[in-house]
């Protein structure tokens, strides 16, 4: 599993589909998880479906407010790494 780091900023989300768990040998858990590191140093992590959804929203809001130099694409995701 790949996680964001200071050397590799961005957001990473692990959310297996209910159909794939527990049959997928690569799925460490049925629980959604997310973590982000921004190029400005802000970080956050979440575990659980609702918390992950909130974290994604927080990340996109933070990126829009803090880094207006990053272009937006449909869905509000940045084209480049944070």
PDB file of N, CA and C in Angstrom:
ATOM      1  N   UNK A   1       0.851  -1.176   0.000  1.00  0.00           N
ATOM      2  CA  UNK A   1       0.000   0.000   0.000  1.00  0.00           C
ATOM      3  C   UNK A   1       0.891   1.232   0.000  1.00  0.00           C
ATOM      4  N   UNK A   2       0.544   2.217  -0.796  1.00  0.00           N
ATOM      5  CA  UNK A   2       1.331   3.433  -0.925  1.00  0.00           C
ATOM      6  C   UNK A   2       0.706   4.533  -0.072  1.00  0.00           C
ATOM      7  N   UNK A   3       1.533   5.207   0.704  1.00  0.00           N
ATOM      8  CA  UNK A   3       1.045   6.293   1.540  1.00  0.00           C
ATOM      9  C   UNK A   3       1.728   7.579   1.171  1.00  0.00           C
ATOM     10  N   UNK A   4       1.051   8.673   1.395  1.00  0.00           N
ATOM     11  CA  UNK A   4       1.622   9.984   1.150  1.00  0.00           C
ATOM     12  C   UNK A   4       2.770  10.213   2.131  1.00  0.00           C
ATOM     13  N   UNK A   5       3.744  10.973   1.689  1.00  0.00           N
ATOM     14  CA  UNK A   5       4.871  11.328   2.545  1.00  0.00           C
ATOM     15  C   UNK A   5       5.323  12.734   2.170  1.00  0.00           C
ATOM     16  N   UNK A   6       6.231  13.277   2.953  1.00  0.00           N
ATOM     17  CA  UNK A   6       6.742  14.605   2.667  1.00  0.00           C
ATOM     18  C   UNK A   6       7.406  14.640   1.286  1.00  0.00           C
ATOM     19  N   UNK A   7       8.036  13.534   0.902  1.00  0.00           N
ATOM     20  CA  UNK A   7       8.684  13.449  -0.401  1.00  0.00           C
ATOM     21  C   UNK A   7       7.709  13.097  -1.518  1.00  0.00           C
ATOM     22  N   UNK A   8       6.517  12.682  -1.153  1.00  0.00           N
ATOM     23  CA  UNK A   8       5.518  12.263  -2.140  1.00  0.00           C
ATOM     24  C   UNK A   8       4.137  12.757  -1.691  1.00  0.00           C
ATOM     25  N   UNK A   9       3.894  14.089  -1.743  1.00  0.00           N
ATOM     26  CA  UNK A   9       2.625  14.625  -1.242  1.00  0.00           C
ATOM     27  C   UNK A   9       1.445  14.195  -2.105  1.00  0.00           C
ATOM     28  N   UNK A  10       0.294  14.178  -1.490  1.00  0.00           N
ATOM     29  CA  UNK A  10      -0.928  13.825  -2.189  1.00  0.00           C
ATOM     30  C   UNK A  10      -1.882  13.112  -1.249  1.00  0.00           C
ATOM     31  N   UNK A  11      -2.943  12.572  -1.810  1.00  0.00           N
ATOM     32  CA  UNK A  11      -3.927  11.839  -1.013  1.00  0.00           C
ATOM     33  C   UNK A  11      -3.978  10.405  -1.510  1.00  0.00           C
ATOM     34  N   UNK A  12      -4.049   9.493  -0.591  1.00  0.00           N
ATOM     35  CA  UNK A  12      -4.122   8.074  -0.906  1.00  0.00           C
ATOM     36  C   UNK A  12      -5.320   7.478  -0.184  1.00  0.00           C
ATOM     37  N   UNK A  13      -6.142   6.759  -0.930  1.00  0.00           N
ATOM     38  CA  UNK A  13      -7.361   6.180  -0.376  1.00  0.00           C
ATOM     39  C   UNK A  13      -7.371   4.686  -0.651  1.00  0.00           C
ATOM     40  N   UNK A  14      -7.654   3.908   0.386  1.00  0.00           N
ATOM     41  CA  UNK A  14      -7.848   2.465   0.252  1.00  0.00           C
ATOM     42  C   UNK A  14      -9.288   2.187   0.651  1.00  0.00           C
ATOM     43  N   UNK A  15     -10.077   1.722  -0.288  1.00  0.00           N
ATOM     44  CA  UNK A  15     -11.481   1.437  -0.014  1.00  0.00           C
ATOM     45  C   UNK A  15     -11.902   0.220  -0.840  1.00  0.00           C
ATOM     46  N   UNK A  16     -11.727  -0.986  -0.275  1.00  0.00           N
ATOM     47  CA  UNK A  16     -12.077  -2.192  -1.035  1.00  0.00           C
ATOM     48  C   UNK A  16     -13.584  -2.305  -1.221  1.00  0.00           C
ATOM     49  N   UNK A  17     -13.969  -2.886  -2.321  1.00  0.00           N
ATOM     50  CA  UNK A  17     -15.399  -3.115  -2.524  1.00  0.00           C
ATOM     51  C   UNK A  17     -15.842  -4.264  -1.623  1.00  0.00           C
ATOM     52  N   UNK A  18     -17.063  -4.239  -1.140  1.00  0.00           N
ATOM     53  CA  UNK A  18     -17.538  -5.310  -0.251  1.00  0.00           C
ATOM     54  C   UNK A  18     -17.449  -6.691  -0.905  1.00  0.00           C
ATOM     55  N   UNK A  19     -17.572  -6.726  -2.229  1.00  0.00           N
ATOM     56  CA  UNK A  19     -17.517  -8.010  -2.928  1.00  0.00           C
ATOM     57  C   UNK A  19     -16.109  -8.593  -2.950  1.00  0.00           C
ATOM     58  N   UNK A  20     -15.091  -7.749  -2.868  1.00  0.00           N
ATOM     59  CA  UNK A  20     -13.713  -8.242  -2.983  1.00  0.00           C
ATOM     60  C   UNK A  20     -13.150  -8.738  -1.658  1.00  0.00           C
ATOM     61  N   UNK A  21     -13.733  -8.347  -0.550  1.00  0.00           N
ATOM     62  CA  UNK A  21     -13.206  -8.768   0.738  1.00  0.00           C
ATOM     63  C   UNK A  21     -14.084  -9.870   1.303  1.00  0.00           C
ATOM     64  N   UNK A  22     -13.588 -10.924   1.850  1.00  0.00           N
ATOM     65  CA  UNK A  22     -12.210 -11.262   2.185  1.00  0.00           C
ATOM     66  C   UNK A  22     -11.506 -12.092   1.113  1.00  0.00           C
ATOM     67  N   UNK A  23     -12.071 -12.174  -0.068  1.00  0.00           N
ATOM     68  CA  UNK A  23     -11.477 -13.044  -1.080  1.00  0.00           C
ATOM     69  C   UNK A  23     -10.205 -12.465  -1.687  1.00  0.00           C
ATOM     70  N   UNK A  24     -10.058 -11.164  -1.657  1.00  0.00           N
ATOM     71  CA  UNK A  24      -8.854 -10.560  -2.205  1.00  0.00           C
ATOM     72  C   UNK A  24      -7.703 -10.733  -1.223  1.00  0.00           C
ATOM     73  N   UNK A  25      -6.667 -11.363  -1.663  1.00  0.00           N
ATOM     74  CA  UNK A  25      -5.498 -11.582  -0.802  1.00  0.00           C
ATOM     75  C   UNK A  25      -4.728 -10.281  -0.576  1.00  0.00           C
ATOM     76  N   UNK A  26      -4.921  -9.293  -1.429  1.00  0.00           N
ATOM     77  CA  UNK A  26      -4.199  -8.035  -1.281  1.00  0.00           C
ATOM     78  C   UNK A  26      -4.910  -7.065  -0.343  1.00  0.00           C
ATOM     79  N   UNK A  27      -6.141  -7.300  -0.027  1.00  0.00           N
ATOM     80  CA  UNK A  27      -6.894  -6.386   0.833  1.00  0.00           C
ATOM     81  C   UNK A  27      -6.543  -6.640   2.298  1.00  0.00           C
ATOM     82  N   UNK A  28      -5.851  -5.690   2.949  1.00  0.00           N
ATOM     83  CA  UNK A  28      -5.475  -5.895   4.343  1.00  0.00           C
ATOM     84  C   UNK A  28      -6.646  -5.767   5.317  1.00  0.00           C
ATOM     85  N   UNK A  29      -7.724  -5.150   4.872  1.00  0.00           N
ATOM     86  CA  UNK A  29      -8.846  -4.889   5.766  1.00  0.00           C
ATOM     87  C   UNK A  29     -10.063  -4.489   4.942  1.00  0.00           C
ATOM     88  N   UNK A  30     -11.268  -4.764   5.443  1.00  0.00           N
ATOM     89  CA  UNK A  30     -12.455  -4.291   4.740  1.00  0.00           C
ATOM     90  C   UNK A  30     -12.774  -2.829   5.048  1.00  0.00           C
ATOM     91  N   UNK A  31     -12.001  -2.210   5.929  1.00  0.00           N
ATOM     92  CA  UNK A  31     -12.267  -0.845   6.380  1.00  0.00           C
ATOM     93  C   UNK A  31     -11.588   0.181   5.477  1.00  0.00           C
ATOM     94  N   UNK A  32     -12.331   1.137   4.925  1.00  0.00           N
ATOM     95  CA  UNK A  32     -11.722   2.202   4.125  1.00  0.00           C
ATOM     96  C   UNK A  32     -10.763   3.039   4.972  1.00  0.00           C
ATOM     97  N   UNK A  33      -9.675   3.460   4.341  1.00  0.00           N
ATOM     98  CA  UNK A  33      -8.666   4.289   5.014  1.00  0.00           C
ATOM     99  C   UNK A  33      -8.176   5.342   4.032  1.00  0.00           C
ATOM    100  N   UNK A  34      -7.749   6.477   4.548  1.00  0.00           N
ATOM    101  CA  UNK A  34      -7.170   7.520   3.705  1.00  0.00           C
ATOM    102  C   UNK A  34      -6.163   8.319   4.518  1.00  0.00           C
ATOM    103  N   UNK A  35      -5.227   8.913   3.792  1.00  0.00           N
ATOM    104  CA  UNK A  35      -4.170   9.698   4.417  1.00  0.00           C
ATOM    105  C   UNK A  35      -3.715  10.730   3.390  1.00  0.00           C
ATOM    106  N   UNK A  36      -3.429  11.940   3.843  1.00  0.00           N
ATOM    107  CA  UNK A  36      -2.843  12.905   2.913  1.00  0.00           C
ATOM    108  C   UNK A  36      -1.732  13.691   3.563  1.00  0.00           C
ATOM    109  N   UNK A  37      -0.828  14.145   2.712  1.00  0.00           N
ATOM    110  CA  UNK A  37       0.243  15.063   3.078  1.00  0.00           C
ATOM    111  C   UNK A  37       0.241  16.139   1.998  1.00  0.00           C
ATOM    112  N   UNK A  38       0.123  17.372   2.414  1.00  0.00           N
ATOM    113  CA  UNK A  38       0.137  18.491   1.472  1.00  0.00           C
ATOM    114  C   UNK A  38       1.567  19.006   1.339  1.00  0.00           C
ATOM    115  N   UNK A  39       1.855  19.647   0.237  1.00  0.00           N
ATOM    116  CA  UNK A  39       3.199  20.193   0.050  1.00  0.00           C
ATOM    117  C   UNK A  39       3.500  21.314   1.045  1.00  0.00           C
ATOM    118  N   UNK A  40       2.465  21.888   1.675  1.00  0.00           N
ATOM    119  CA  UNK A  40       2.683  22.911   2.697  1.00  0.00           C
ATOM    120  C   UNK A  40       2.976  22.298   4.069  1.00  0.00           C
ATOM    121  N   UNK A  41       2.829  20.968   4.179  1.00  0.00           N
ATOM    122  CA  UNK A  41       3.126  20.285   5.435  1.00  0.00           C
ATOM    123  C   UNK A  41       1.907  19.792   6.197  1.00  0.00           C
ATOM    124  N   UNK A  42       0.716  20.234   5.827  1.00  0.00           N
ATOM    125  CA  UNK A  42      -0.491  19.765   6.520  1.00  0.00           C
ATOM    126  C   UNK A  42      -0.712  18.287   6.227  1.00  0.00           C
ATOM    127  N   UNK A  43      -1.082  17.533   7.256  1.00  0.00           N
ATOM    128  CA  UNK A  43      -1.364  16.106   7.108  1.00  0.00           C
ATOM    129  C   UNK A  43      -2.641  15.755   7.853  1.00  0.00           C
ATOM    130  N   UNK A  44      -3.246  14.649   7.465  1.00  0.00           N
ATOM    131  CA  UNK A  44      -4.404  14.123   8.179  1.00  0.00           C
ATOM    132  C   UNK A  44      -4.637  12.700   7.711  1.00  0.00           C
ATOM    133  N   UNK A  45      -5.327  11.933   8.518  1.00  0.00           N
ATOM    134  CA  UNK A  45      -5.645  10.547   8.178  1.00  0.00           C
ATOM    135  C   UNK A  45      -7.035  10.226   8.707  1.00  0.00           C
ATOM    136  N   UNK A  46      -7.659   9.202   8.103  1.00  0.00           N
ATOM    137  CA  UNK A  46      -9.006   8.804   8.520  1.00  0.00           C
ATOM    138  C   UNK A  46      -9.184   7.307   8.313  1.00  0.00           C
ATOM    139  N   UNK A  47     -10.032   6.722   9.149  1.00  0.00           N
ATOM    140  CA  UNK A  47     -10.388   5.311   9.046  1.00  0.00           C
ATOM    141  C   UNK A  47     -11.902   5.225   9.147  1.00  0.00           C
ATOM    142  N   UNK A  48     -12.512   4.487   8.234  1.00  0.00           N
ATOM    143  CA  UNK A  48     -13.963   4.338   8.217  1.00  0.00           C
ATOM    144  C   UNK A  48     -14.562   5.128   7.070  1.00  0.00           C
ATOM    145  N   UNK A  49     -15.652   4.613   6.523  1.00  0.00           N
ATOM    146  CA  UNK A  49     -16.240   5.198   5.319  1.00  0.00           C
ATOM    147  C   UNK A  49     -16.594   6.672   5.463  1.00  0.00           C
ATOM    148  N   UNK A  50     -17.310   7.041   6.505  1.00  0.00           N
ATOM    149  CA  UNK A  50     -17.721   8.436   6.683  1.00  0.00           C
ATOM    150  C   UNK A  50     -16.527   9.352   6.918  1.00  0.00           C
ATOM    151  N   UNK A  51     -15.574   8.877   7.714  1.00  0.00           N
ATOM    152  CA  UNK A  51     -14.375   9.670   7.995  1.00  0.00           C
ATOM    153  C   UNK A  51     -13.535   9.873   6.737  1.00  0.00           C
ATOM    154  N   UNK A  52     -13.436   8.853   5.890  1.00  0.00           N
ATOM    155  CA  UNK A  52     -12.676   8.966   4.646  1.00  0.00           C
ATOM    156  C   UNK A  52     -13.353   9.962   3.704  1.00  0.00           C
ATOM    157  N   UNK A  53     -14.675   9.906   3.587  1.00  0.00           N
ATOM    158  CA  UNK A  53     -15.398  10.874   2.747  1.00  0.00           C
ATOM    159  C   UNK A  53     -15.151  12.298   3.237  1.00  0.00           C
ATOM    160  N   UNK A  54     -15.170  12.497   4.550  1.00  0.00           N
ATOM    161  CA  UNK A  54     -14.934  13.820   5.119  1.00  0.00           C
ATOM    162  C   UNK A  54     -13.491  14.267   4.867  1.00  0.00           C
ATOM    163  N   UNK A  55     -12.545  13.346   4.946  1.00  0.00           N
ATOM    164  CA  UNK A  55     -11.141  13.665   4.709  1.00  0.00           C
ATOM    165  C   UNK A  55     -10.913  14.090   3.257  1.00  0.00           C
ATOM    166  N   UNK A  56     -11.536  13.398   2.321  1.00  0.00           N
ATOM    167  CA  UNK A  56     -11.412  13.767   0.911  1.00  0.00           C
ATOM    168  C   UNK A  56     -11.946  15.180   0.692  1.00  0.00           C
ATOM    169  N   UNK A  57     -13.088  15.484   1.269  1.00  0.00           N
ATOM    170  CA  UNK A  57     -13.670  16.820   1.158  1.00  0.00           C
ATOM    171  C   UNK A  57     -12.738  17.869   1.779  1.00  0.00           C
ATOM    172  N   UNK A  58     -12.192  17.558   2.949  1.00  0.00           N
ATOM    173  CA  UNK A  58     -11.261  18.471   3.622  1.00  0.00           C
ATOM    174  C   UNK A  58     -10.035  18.729   2.754  1.00  0.00           C
ATOM    175  N   UNK A  59      -9.479  17.671   2.179  1.00  0.00           N
ATOM    176  CA  UNK A  59      -8.294  17.788   1.334  1.00  0.00           C
ATOM    177  C   UNK A  59      -8.569  18.676   0.116  1.00  0.00           C
ATOM    178  N   UNK A  60      -9.685  18.438  -0.560  1.00  0.00           N
ATOM    179  CA  UNK A  60     -10.011  19.232  -1.745  1.00  0.00           C
ATOM    180  C   UNK A  60     -10.251  20.702  -1.392  1.00  0.00           C
ATOM    181  N   UNK A  61     -10.912  20.950  -0.261  1.00  0.00           N
ATOM    182  CA  UNK A  61     -11.142  22.321   0.198  1.00  0.00           C
ATOM    183  C   UNK A  61      -9.813  22.992   0.539  1.00  0.00           C
ATOM    184  N   UNK A  62      -8.947  22.272   1.234  1.00  0.00           N
ATOM    185  CA  UNK A  62      -7.632  22.800   1.601  1.00  0.00           C
ATOM    186  C   UNK A  62      -6.814  23.136   0.354  1.00  0.00           C
ATOM    187  N   UNK A  63      -6.810  22.236  -0.611  1.00  0.00           N
ATOM    188  CA  UNK A  63      -6.030  22.451  -1.826  1.00  0.00           C
ATOM    189  C   UNK A  63      -6.530  23.671  -2.595  1.00  0.00           C
ATOM    190  N   UNK A  64      -7.828  23.824  -2.671  1.00  0.00           N
ATOM    191  CA  UNK A  64      -8.412  24.962  -3.400  1.00  0.00           C
ATOM    192  C   UNK A  64      -8.072  26.282  -2.706  1.00  0.00           C
ATOM    193  N   UNK A  65      -8.116  26.303  -1.377  1.00  0.00           N
ATOM    194  CA  UNK A  65      -7.865  27.522  -0.621  1.00  0.00           C
ATOM    195  C   UNK A  65      -6.372  27.849  -0.507  1.00  0.00           C
ATOM    196  N   UNK A  66      -5.550  26.850  -0.335  1.00  0.00           N
ATOM    197  CA  UNK A  66      -4.134  27.053  -0.059  1.00  0.00           C
ATOM    198  C   UNK A  66      -3.268  27.067  -1.307  1.00  0.00           C
ATOM    199  N   UNK A  67      -3.687  26.337  -2.323  1.00  0.00           N
ATOM    200  CA  UNK A  67      -2.861  26.199  -3.528  1.00  0.00           C
ATOM    201  C   UNK A  67      -3.681  26.506  -4.790  1.00  0.00           C
ATOM    202  N   UNK A  68      -4.091  27.765  -4.947  1.00  0.00           N
ATOM    203  CA  UNK A  68      -4.901  28.111  -6.119  1.00  0.00           C
ATOM    204  C   UNK A  68      -4.125  27.984  -7.433  1.00  0.00           C
ATOM    205  N   UNK A  69      -2.803  27.795  -7.344  1.00  0.00           N
ATOM    206  CA  UNK A  69      -1.988  27.639  -8.545  1.00  0.00           C
ATOM    207  C   UNK A  69      -2.180  26.275  -9.205  1.00  0.00           C
ATOM    208  N   UNK A  70      -2.765  25.326  -8.482  1.00  0.00           N
ATOM    209  CA  UNK A  70      -3.011  24.004  -9.054  1.00  0.00           C
ATOM    210  C   UNK A  70      -4.320  24.038  -9.832  1.00  0.00           C
ATOM    211  N   UNK A  71      -4.294  23.629 -11.097  1.00  0.00           N
ATOM    212  CA  UNK A  71      -5.519  23.666 -11.899  1.00  0.00           C
ATOM    213  C   UNK A  71      -6.534  22.642 -11.431  1.00  0.00           C
ATOM    214  N   UNK A  72      -7.810  22.985 -11.555  1.00  0.00           N
ATOM    215  CA  UNK A  72      -8.873  22.058 -11.197  1.00  0.00           C
ATOM    216  C   UNK A  72      -9.327  21.295 -12.433  1.00  0.00           C
ATOM    217  N   UNK A  73      -9.746  20.069 -12.210  1.00  0.00           N
ATOM    218  CA  UNK A  73     -10.326  19.248 -13.266  1.00  0.00           C
ATOM    219  C   UNK A  73     -11.702  18.820 -12.801  1.00  0.00           C
ATOM    220  N   UNK A  74     -12.561  18.295 -13.675  1.00  0.00           N
ATOM    221  CA  UNK A  74     -13.894  17.864 -13.241  1.00  0.00           C
ATOM    222  C   UNK A  74     -13.816  16.964 -12.007  1.00  0.00           C
ATOM    223  N   UNK A  75     -14.673  17.218 -11.057  1.00  0.00           N
ATOM    224  CA  UNK A  75     -14.676  16.460  -9.810  1.00  0.00           C
ATOM    225  C   UNK A  75     -13.851  17.115  -8.734  1.00  0.00           C
ATOM    226  N   UNK A  76     -13.180  18.225  -9.058  1.00  0.00           N
ATOM    227  CA  UNK A  76     -12.431  18.965  -8.069  1.00  0.00           C
ATOM    228  C   UNK A  76     -11.056  18.396  -7.764  1.00  0.00           C
ATOM    229  N   UNK A  77     -10.570  17.450  -8.531  1.00  0.00           N
ATOM    230  CA  UNK A  77      -9.264  16.862  -8.256  1.00  0.00           C
ATOM    231  C   UNK A  77      -8.187  17.619  -9.011  1.00  0.00           C
ATOM    232  N   UNK A  78      -7.046  17.791  -8.389  1.00  0.00           N
ATOM    233  CA  UNK A  78      -5.924  18.479  -9.020  1.00  0.00           C
ATOM    234  C   UNK A  78      -5.265  17.559 -10.052  1.00  0.00           C
ATOM    235  N   UNK A  79      -4.804  18.166 -11.151  1.00  0.00           N
ATOM    236  CA  UNK A  79      -4.120  17.388 -12.188  1.00  0.00           C
ATOM    237  C   UNK A  79      -2.719  16.981 -11.752  1.00  0.00           C
ATOM    238  N   UNK A  80      -2.097  17.801 -10.913  1.00  0.00           N
ATOM    239  CA  UNK A  80      -0.737  17.522 -10.457  1.00  0.00           C
ATOM    240  C   UNK A  80      -0.764  17.116  -8.994  1.00  0.00           C
ATOM    241  N   UNK A  81       0.324  16.489  -8.573  1.00  0.00           N
ATOM    242  CA  UNK A  81       0.456  16.132  -7.163  1.00  0.00           C
ATOM    243  C   UNK A  81       0.507  17.405  -6.338  1.00  0.00           C
ATOM    244  N   UNK A  82       0.007  17.329  -5.118  1.00  0.00           N
ATOM    245  CA  UNK A  82      -0.032  18.501  -4.248  1.00  0.00           C
ATOM    246  C   UNK A  82       1.337  19.021  -3.944  1.00  0.00           C
TER     247      UNK A  82
END
